[in-house]
Amino acid sequence: MSKEKLLDRARDELFSHINRCGVLTAAEDDQLHWLGETIEYIGERYPDLTDADLKGLHEIGICFCKPAIAHGSRNTAKKLEDAPVA
């Protein structure tokens, strides 16, 4: 398998873990701890990935957990009760 495909597969697996494990709603310290352990696990599953690859996946995971527009209905720009009545 090519290096690019291997990295894509590891990234997709990381995103899958993030979505399934509910880490998006965890406290920041818990997110960082969880992400560190998950990257370690991914490194074991994909031994051909370099430390730089794993560091990149860690950074992507942090960005995914802290998007510019927050996850979830609690974080919408407007609340339903603030919406104009049609």
PDB file of N, CA and C in Angstrom:
ATOM      1  N   MET A   1       0.855  -1.170   0.000  1.00  0.00           N
ATOM      2  CA  MET A   1       0.000   0.000   0.000  1.00  0.00           C
ATOM      3  C   MET A   1       0.902   1.234   0.000  1.00  0.00           C
ATOM      4  N   SER A   2       0.528   2.244  -0.778  1.00  0.00           N
ATOM      5  CA  SER A   2       1.344   3.448  -0.845  1.00  0.00           C
ATOM      6  C   SER A   2       1.277   4.223   0.472  1.00  0.00           C
ATOM      7  N   LYS A   3       2.291   5.012   0.716  1.00  0.00           N
ATOM      8  CA  LYS A   3       2.369   5.806   1.947  1.00  0.00           C
ATOM      9  C   LYS A   3       1.167   6.747   2.061  1.00  0.00           C
ATOM     10  N   GLU A   4       0.786   7.353   0.943  1.00  0.00           N
ATOM     11  CA  GLU A   4      -0.348   8.282   0.940  1.00  0.00           C
ATOM     12  C   GLU A   4      -1.643   7.573   1.323  1.00  0.00           C
ATOM     13  N   LYS A   5      -1.881   6.399   0.755  1.00  0.00           N
ATOM     14  CA  LYS A   5      -3.094   5.640   1.084  1.00  0.00           C
ATOM     15  C   LYS A   5      -3.084   5.181   2.541  1.00  0.00           C
ATOM     16  N   LEU A   6      -1.924   4.808   3.038  1.00  0.00           N
ATOM     17  CA  LEU A   6      -1.791   4.381   4.427  1.00  0.00           C
ATOM     18  C   LEU A   6      -2.121   5.539   5.369  1.00  0.00           C
ATOM     19  N   LEU A   7      -1.612   6.710   5.064  1.00  0.00           N
ATOM     20  CA  LEU A   7      -1.886   7.885   5.879  1.00  0.00           C
ATOM     21  C   LEU A   7      -3.360   8.276   5.799  1.00  0.00           C
ATOM     22  N   ASP A   8      -3.943   8.171   4.616  1.00  0.00           N
ATOM     23  CA  ASP A   8      -5.383   8.449   4.460  1.00  0.00           C
ATOM     24  C   ASP A   8      -6.216   7.476   5.289  1.00  0.00           C
ATOM     25  N   ARG A   9      -5.850   6.222   5.273  1.00  0.00           N
ATOM     26  CA  ARG A   9      -6.584   5.210   6.039  1.00  0.00           C
ATOM     27  C   ARG A   9      -6.469   5.483   7.542  1.00  0.00           C
ATOM     28  N   ALA A  10      -5.276   5.830   7.996  1.00  0.00           N
ATOM     29  CA  ALA A  10      -5.068   6.129   9.418  1.00  0.00           C
ATOM     30  C   ALA A  10      -5.864   7.383   9.823  1.00  0.00           C
ATOM     31  N   ARG A  11      -5.883   8.388   8.958  1.00  0.00           N
ATOM     32  CA  ARG A  11      -6.658   9.606   9.229  1.00  0.00           C
ATOM     33  C   ARG A  11      -8.147   9.295   9.317  1.00  0.00           C
ATOM     34  N   ASP A  12      -8.643   8.516   8.384  1.00  0.00           N
ATOM     35  CA  ASP A  12     -10.056   8.149   8.402  1.00  0.00           C
ATOM     36  C   ASP A  12     -10.407   7.359   9.664  1.00  0.00           C
ATOM     37  N   GLU A  13      -9.504   6.484  10.079  1.00  0.00           N
ATOM     38  CA  GLU A  13      -9.734   5.715  11.301  1.00  0.00           C
ATOM     39  C   GLU A  13      -9.756   6.643  12.520  1.00  0.00           C
ATOM     40  N   LEU A  14      -8.863   7.627  12.535  1.00  0.00           N
ATOM     41  CA  LEU A  14      -8.842   8.592  13.634  1.00  0.00           C
ATOM     42  C   LEU A  14     -10.173   9.348  13.706  1.00  0.00           C
ATOM     43  N   PHE A  15     -10.653   9.844  12.580  1.00  0.00           N
ATOM     44  CA  PHE A  15     -11.928  10.564  12.565  1.00  0.00           C
ATOM     45  C   PHE A  15     -13.075   9.665  13.010  1.00  0.00           C
ATOM     46  N   SER A  16     -13.048   8.414  12.599  1.00  0.00           N
ATOM     47  CA  SER A  16     -14.077   7.472  13.009  1.00  0.00           C
ATOM     48  C   SER A  16     -14.065   7.285  14.520  1.00  0.00           C
ATOM     49  N   HIS A  17     -12.877   7.132  15.084  1.00  0.00           N
ATOM     50  CA  HIS A  17     -12.767   6.984  16.541  1.00  0.00           C
ATOM     51  C   HIS A  17     -13.285   8.238  17.252  1.00  0.00           C
ATOM     52  N   ILE A  18     -12.922   9.403  16.745  1.00  0.00           N
ATOM     53  CA  ILE A  18     -13.365  10.660  17.363  1.00  0.00           C
ATOM     54  C   ILE A  18     -14.887  10.726  17.375  1.00  0.00           C
ATOM     55  N   ASN A  19     -15.502  10.418  16.262  1.00  0.00           N
ATOM     56  CA  ASN A  19     -16.967  10.502  16.168  1.00  0.00           C
ATOM     57  C   ASN A  19     -17.668   9.457  17.025  1.00  0.00           C
ATOM     58  N   ARG A  20     -17.133   8.255  17.106  1.00  0.00           N
ATOM     59  CA  ARG A  20     -17.787   7.187  17.870  1.00  0.00           C
ATOM     60  C   ARG A  20     -17.585   7.299  19.368  1.00  0.00           C
ATOM     61  N   CYS A  21     -16.479   7.862  19.797  1.00  0.00           N
ATOM     62  CA  CYS A  21     -16.134   7.844  21.218  1.00  0.00           C
ATOM     63  C   CYS A  21     -16.696   9.022  22.008  1.00  0.00           C
ATOM     64  N   GLY A  22     -17.324   9.966  21.364  1.00  0.00           N
ATOM     65  CA  GLY A  22     -17.912  11.087  22.081  1.00  0.00           C
ATOM     66  C   GLY A  22     -16.899  12.059  22.652  1.00  0.00           C
ATOM     67  N   VAL A  23     -15.683  12.039  22.139  1.00  0.00           N
ATOM     68  CA  VAL A  23     -14.633  12.904  22.666  1.00  0.00           C
ATOM     69  C   VAL A  23     -14.890  14.376  22.336  1.00  0.00           C
ATOM     70  N   LEU A  24     -15.727  14.653  21.379  1.00  0.00           N
ATOM     71  CA  LEU A  24     -16.012  16.044  21.002  1.00  0.00           C
ATOM     72  C   LEU A  24     -16.662  16.827  22.136  1.00  0.00           C
ATOM     73  N   THR A  25     -17.366  16.143  23.011  1.00  0.00           N
ATOM     74  CA  THR A  25     -18.045  16.826  24.112  1.00  0.00           C
ATOM     75  C   THR A  25     -17.248  16.758  25.411  1.00  0.00           C
ATOM     76  N   ALA A  26     -16.067  16.180  25.375  1.00  0.00           N
ATOM     77  CA  ALA A  26     -15.233  16.037  26.578  1.00  0.00           C
ATOM     78  C   ALA A  26     -14.500  17.344  26.873  1.00  0.00           C
ATOM     79  N   ALA A  27     -14.020  17.463  28.104  1.00  0.00           N
ATOM     80  CA  ALA A  27     -13.201  18.610  28.501  1.00  0.00           C
ATOM     81  C   ALA A  27     -11.893  18.586  27.709  1.00  0.00           C
ATOM     82  N   GLU A  28     -11.277  19.751  27.553  1.00  0.00           N
ATOM     83  CA  GLU A  28     -10.070  19.856  26.732  1.00  0.00           C
ATOM     84  C   GLU A  28      -8.948  18.931  27.219  1.00  0.00           C
ATOM     85  N   ASP A  29      -8.724  18.872  28.529  1.00  0.00           N
ATOM     86  CA  ASP A  29      -7.678  17.981  29.064  1.00  0.00           C
ATOM     87  C   ASP A  29      -7.968  16.522  28.727  1.00  0.00           C
ATOM     88  N   ASP A  30      -9.234  16.136  28.835  1.00  0.00           N
ATOM     89  CA  ASP A  30      -9.619  14.760  28.514  1.00  0.00           C
ATOM     90  C   ASP A  30      -9.446  14.484  27.023  1.00  0.00           C
ATOM     91  N   GLN A  31      -9.764  15.475  26.189  1.00  0.00           N
ATOM     92  CA  GLN A  31      -9.577  15.315  24.750  1.00  0.00           C
ATOM     93  C   GLN A  31      -8.107  15.069  24.423  1.00  0.00           C
ATOM     94  N   LEU A  32      -7.225  15.861  25.019  1.00  0.00           N
ATOM     95  CA  LEU A  32      -5.796  15.726  24.735  1.00  0.00           C
ATOM     96  C   LEU A  32      -5.265  14.372  25.206  1.00  0.00           C
ATOM     97  N   HIS A  33      -5.702  13.933  26.375  1.00  0.00           N
ATOM     98  CA  HIS A  33      -5.284  12.626  26.892  1.00  0.00           C
ATOM     99  C   HIS A  33      -5.782  11.506  25.969  1.00  0.00           C
ATOM    100  N   TRP A  34      -7.056  11.565  25.612  1.00  0.00           N
ATOM    101  CA  TRP A  34      -7.649  10.560  24.735  1.00  0.00           C
ATOM    102  C   TRP A  34      -6.940  10.542  23.388  1.00  0.00           C
ATOM    103  N   LEU A  35      -6.678  11.731  22.848  1.00  0.00           N
ATOM    104  CA  LEU A  35      -6.042  11.826  21.539  1.00  0.00           C
ATOM    105  C   LEU A  35      -4.631  11.251  21.568  1.00  0.00           C
ATOM    106  N   GLY A  36      -3.889  11.518  22.635  1.00  0.00           N
ATOM    107  CA  GLY A  36      -2.548  10.953  22.758  1.00  0.00           C
ATOM    108  C   GLY A  36      -2.565   9.436  22.749  1.00  0.00           C
ATOM    109  N   GLU A  37      -3.494   8.859  23.512  1.00  0.00           N
ATOM    110  CA  GLU A  37      -3.599   7.399  23.546  1.00  0.00           C
ATOM    111  C   GLU A  37      -4.054   6.836  22.202  1.00  0.00           C
ATOM    112  N   THR A  38      -4.948   7.534  21.541  1.00  0.00           N
ATOM    113  CA  THR A  38      -5.458   7.057  20.253  1.00  0.00           C
ATOM    114  C   THR A  38      -4.378   7.122  19.178  1.00  0.00           C
ATOM    115  N   ILE A  39      -3.575   8.183  19.185  1.00  0.00           N
ATOM    116  CA  ILE A  39      -2.479   8.282  18.221  1.00  0.00           C
ATOM    117  C   ILE A  39      -1.455   7.177  18.476  1.00  0.00           C
ATOM    118  N   GLU A  40      -1.207   6.876  19.727  1.00  0.00           N
ATOM    119  CA  GLU A  40      -0.298   5.772  20.063  1.00  0.00           C
ATOM    120  C   GLU A  40      -0.839   4.455  19.505  1.00  0.00           C
ATOM    121  N   TYR A  41      -2.141   4.231  19.664  1.00  0.00           N
ATOM    122  CA  TYR A  41      -2.796   3.033  19.130  1.00  0.00           C
ATOM    123  C   TYR A  41      -2.675   2.986  17.596  1.00  0.00           C
ATOM    124  N   ILE A  42      -2.920   4.106  16.953  1.00  0.00           N
ATOM    125  CA  ILE A  42      -2.832   4.158  15.485  1.00  0.00           C
ATOM    126  C   ILE A  42      -1.393   3.883  15.038  1.00  0.00           C
ATOM    127  N   GLY A  43      -0.432   4.386  15.797  1.00  0.00           N
ATOM    128  CA  GLY A  43       0.966   4.104  15.483  1.00  0.00           C
ATOM    129  C   GLY A  43       1.283   2.622  15.548  1.00  0.00           C
ATOM    130  N   GLU A  44       0.647   1.927  16.481  1.00  0.00           N
ATOM    131  CA  GLU A  44       0.833   0.473  16.580  1.00  0.00           C
ATOM    132  C   GLU A  44       0.145  -0.251  15.427  1.00  0.00           C
ATOM    133  N   ARG A  45      -1.027   0.250  15.030  1.00  0.00           N
ATOM    134  CA  ARG A  45      -1.765  -0.386  13.927  1.00  0.00           C
ATOM    135  C   ARG A  45      -1.110  -0.145  12.571  1.00  0.00           C
ATOM    136  N   TYR A  46      -0.457   0.998  12.453  1.00  0.00           N
ATOM    137  CA  TYR A  46       0.185   1.380  11.187  1.00  0.00           C
ATOM    138  C   TYR A  46       1.670   1.649  11.438  1.00  0.00           C
ATOM    139  N   PRO A  47       2.465   0.590  11.629  1.00  0.00           N
ATOM    140  CA  PRO A  47       3.874   0.771  11.996  1.00  0.00           C
ATOM    141  C   PRO A  47       4.723   1.454  10.921  1.00  0.00           C
ATOM    142  N   ASP A  48       4.241   1.520   9.691  1.00  0.00           N
ATOM    143  CA  ASP A  48       5.007   2.183   8.635  1.00  0.00           C
ATOM    144  C   ASP A  48       4.879   3.702   8.687  1.00  0.00           C
ATOM    145  N   LEU A  49       3.994   4.232   9.529  1.00  0.00           N
ATOM    146  CA  LEU A  49       3.879   5.686   9.668  1.00  0.00           C
ATOM    147  C   LEU A  49       5.043   6.205  10.500  1.00  0.00           C
ATOM    148  N   THR A  50       5.570   7.339  10.095  1.00  0.00           N
ATOM    149  CA  THR A  50       6.696   7.931  10.814  1.00  0.00           C
ATOM    150  C   THR A  50       6.178   8.749  12.003  1.00  0.00           C
ATOM    151  N   ASP A  51       7.101   9.162  12.860  1.00  0.00           N
ATOM    152  CA  ASP A  51       6.733  10.035  13.973  1.00  0.00           C
ATOM    153  C   ASP A  51       6.130  11.337  13.449  1.00  0.00           C
ATOM    154  N   ALA A  52       6.657  11.840  12.329  1.00  0.00           N
ATOM    155  CA  ALA A  52       6.114  13.056  11.724  1.00  0.00           C
ATOM    156  C   ALA A  52       4.670  12.837  11.246  1.00  0.00           C
ATOM    157  N   ASP A  53       4.396  11.670  10.687  1.00  0.00           N
ATOM    158  CA  ASP A  53       3.037  11.335  10.253  1.00  0.00           C
ATOM    159  C   ASP A  53       2.092  11.331  11.451  1.00  0.00           C
ATOM    160  N   LEU A  54       2.526  10.695  12.536  1.00  0.00           N
ATOM    161  CA  LEU A  54       1.686  10.605  13.736  1.00  0.00           C
ATOM    162  C   LEU A  54       1.481  11.980  14.363  1.00  0.00           C
ATOM    163  N   LYS A  55       2.507  12.801  14.335  1.00  0.00           N
ATOM    164  CA  LYS A  55       2.371  14.166  14.851  1.00  0.00           C
ATOM    165  C   LYS A  55       1.349  14.933  14.017  1.00  0.00           C
ATOM    166  N   GLY A  56       1.397  14.759  12.699  1.00  0.00           N
ATOM    167  CA  GLY A  56       0.420  15.404  11.815  1.00  0.00           C
ATOM    168  C   GLY A  56      -0.995  14.928  12.109  1.00  0.00           C
ATOM    169  N   LEU A  57      -1.158  13.635  12.354  1.00  0.00           N
ATOM    170  CA  LEU A  57      -2.480  13.108  12.694  1.00  0.00           C
ATOM    171  C   LEU A  57      -2.963  13.682  14.022  1.00  0.00           C
ATOM    172  N   HIS A  58      -2.050  13.839  14.974  1.00  0.00           N
ATOM    173  CA  HIS A  58      -2.402  14.430  16.272  1.00  0.00           C
ATOM    174  C   HIS A  58      -2.900  15.859  16.071  1.00  0.00           C
ATOM    175  N   GLU A  59      -2.201  16.633  15.255  1.00  0.00           N
ATOM    176  CA  GLU A  59      -2.605  18.015  14.983  1.00  0.00           C
ATOM    177  C   GLU A  59      -3.962  18.074  14.279  1.00  0.00           C
ATOM    178  N   ILE A  60      -4.177  17.182  13.332  1.00  0.00           N
ATOM    179  CA  ILE A  60      -5.464  17.120  12.639  1.00  0.00           C
ATOM    180  C   ILE A  60      -6.570  16.771  13.633  1.00  0.00           C
ATOM    181  N   GLY A  61      -6.284  15.832  14.529  1.00  0.00           N
ATOM    182  CA  GLY A  61      -7.264  15.447  15.544  1.00  0.00           C
ATOM    183  C   GLY A  61      -7.627  16.611  16.450  1.00  0.00           C
ATOM    184  N   ILE A  62      -6.634  17.400  16.858  1.00  0.00           N
ATOM    185  CA  ILE A  62      -6.901  18.573  17.696  1.00  0.00           C
ATOM    186  C   ILE A  62      -7.783  19.564  16.946  1.00  0.00           C
ATOM    187  N   CYS A  63      -7.461  19.817  15.686  1.00  0.00           N
ATOM    188  CA  CYS A  63      -8.271  20.747  14.887  1.00  0.00           C
ATOM    189  C   CYS A  63      -9.698  20.224  14.722  1.00  0.00           C
ATOM    190  N   PHE A  64      -9.850  18.929  14.536  1.00  0.00           N
ATOM    191  CA  PHE A  64     -11.176  18.347  14.366  1.00  0.00           C
ATOM    192  C   PHE A  64     -11.996  18.467  15.646  1.00  0.00           C
ATOM    193  N   CYS A  65     -11.330  18.355  16.788  1.00  0.00           N
ATOM    194  CA  CYS A  65     -12.022  18.469  18.079  1.00  0.00           C
ATOM    195  C   CYS A  65     -12.346  19.917  18.440  1.00  0.00           C
ATOM    196  N   LYS A  66     -11.658  20.868  17.839  1.00  0.00           N
ATOM    197  CA  LYS A  66     -11.865  22.285  18.132  1.00  0.00           C
ATOM    198  C   LYS A  66     -12.050  23.062  16.828  1.00  0.00           C
ATOM    199  N   PRO A  67     -13.140  22.838  16.141  1.00  0.00           N
ATOM    200  CA  PRO A  67     -13.341  23.521  14.859  1.00  0.00           C
ATOM    201  C   PRO A  67     -13.634  25.008  15.056  1.00  0.00           C
ATOM    202  N   ALA A  68     -13.486  25.776  13.996  1.00  0.00           N
ATOM    203  CA  ALA A  68     -13.775  27.212  14.044  1.00  0.00           C
ATOM    204  C   ALA A  68     -15.233  27.455  14.402  1.00  0.00           C
ATOM    205  N   ILE A  69     -16.114  26.609  13.913  1.00  0.00           N
ATOM    206  CA  ILE A  69     -17.529  26.658  14.284  1.00  0.00           C
ATOM    207  C   ILE A  69     -17.779  25.443  15.160  1.00  0.00           C
ATOM    208  N   ALA A  70     -18.162  25.692  16.394  1.00  0.00           N
ATOM    209  CA  ALA A  70     -18.270  24.621  17.389  1.00  0.00           C
ATOM    210  C   ALA A  70     -19.286  23.561  16.988  1.00  0.00           C
ATOM    211  N   HIS A  71     -19.044  22.327  17.467  1.00  0.00           N
ATOM    212  CA  HIS A  71     -19.937  21.201  17.220  1.00  0.00           C
ATOM    213  C   HIS A  71     -21.197  21.307  18.077  1.00  0.00           C
ATOM    214  N   GLY A  72     -22.265  20.744  17.612  1.00  0.00           N
ATOM    215  CA  GLY A  72     -23.446  20.535  18.445  1.00  0.00           C
ATOM    216  C   GLY A  72     -24.453  21.667  18.430  1.00  0.00           C
ATOM    217  N   SER A  73     -25.670  21.331  18.819  1.00  0.00           N
ATOM    218  CA  SER A  73     -26.763  22.292  18.800  1.00  0.00           C
ATOM    219  C   SER A  73     -26.611  23.357  19.874  1.00  0.00           C
ATOM    220  N   ARG A  74     -25.888  23.073  20.965  1.00  0.00           N
ATOM    221  CA  ARG A  74     -25.688  24.075  22.012  1.00  0.00           C
ATOM    222  C   ARG A  74     -24.881  25.254  21.499  1.00  0.00           C
ATOM    223  N   ASN A  75     -24.142  25.047  20.439  1.00  0.00           N
ATOM    224  CA  ASN A  75     -23.190  26.040  19.980  1.00  0.00           C
ATOM    225  C   ASN A  75     -23.623  26.754  18.705  1.00  0.00           C
ATOM    226  N   THR A  76     -24.892  26.725  18.381  1.00  0.00           N
ATOM    227  CA  THR A  76     -25.341  27.397  17.176  1.00  0.00           C
ATOM    228  C   THR A  76     -25.315  28.901  17.377  1.00  0.00           C
ATOM    229  N   ALA A  77     -25.235  29.625  16.284  1.00  0.00           N
ATOM    230  CA  ALA A  77     -25.154  31.084  16.366  1.00  0.00           C
ATOM    231  C   ALA A  77     -26.421  31.664  16.976  1.00  0.00           C
ATOM    232  N   LYS A  78     -27.555  31.072  16.674  1.00  0.00           N
ATOM    233  CA  LYS A  78     -28.820  31.527  17.227  1.00  0.00           C
ATOM    234  C   LYS A  78     -29.537  30.344  17.867  1.00  0.00           C
ATOM    235  N   LYS A  79     -30.228  30.620  18.906  1.00  0.00           N
ATOM    236  CA  LYS A  79     -31.069  29.612  19.533  1.00  0.00           C
ATOM    237  C   LYS A  79     -32.406  29.588  18.811  1.00  0.00           C
ATOM    238  N   LEU A  80     -33.089  28.480  18.874  1.00  0.00           N
ATOM    239  CA  LEU A  80     -34.382  28.336  18.202  1.00  0.00           C
ATOM    240  C   LEU A  80     -35.352  29.409  18.668  1.00  0.00           C
ATOM    241  N   GLU A  81     -35.366  29.702  19.976  1.00  0.00           N
ATOM    242  CA  GLU A  81     -36.299  30.698  20.485  1.00  0.00           C
ATOM    243  C   GLU A  81     -35.961  32.112  20.025  1.00  0.00           C
ATOM    244  N   ASP A  82     -34.739  32.323  19.521  1.00  0.00           N
ATOM    245  CA  ASP A  82     -34.329  33.636  18.993  1.00  0.00           C
ATOM    246  C   ASP A  82     -34.700  33.821  17.528  1.00  0.00           C
ATOM    247  N   ALA A  83     -35.113  32.759  16.875  1.00  0.00           N
ATOM    248  CA  ALA A  83     -35.427  32.824  15.457  1.00  0.00           C
ATOM    249  C   ALA A  83     -36.728  33.589  15.243  1.00  0.00           C
ATOM    250  N   PRO A  84     -36.797  34.380  14.166  1.00  0.00           N
ATOM    251  CA  PRO A  84     -38.039  35.119  13.889  1.00  0.00           C
ATOM    252  C   PRO A  84     -39.188  34.169  13.543  1.00  0.00           C
ATOM    253  N   VAL A  85     -40.354  34.552  13.914  1.00  0.00           N
ATOM    254  CA  VAL A  85     -41.546  33.757  13.631  1.00  0.00           C
ATOM    255  C   VAL A  85     -42.013  34.106  12.226  1.00  0.00           C
ATOM    256  N   ALA A  86     -42.305  33.077  11.434  1.00  0.00           N
ATOM    257  CA  ALA A  86     -42.732  33.299  10.051  1.00  0.00           C
ATOM    258  C   ALA A  86     -44.217  33.493   9.971  1.00  0.00           C
TER     259      ALA A  86
END
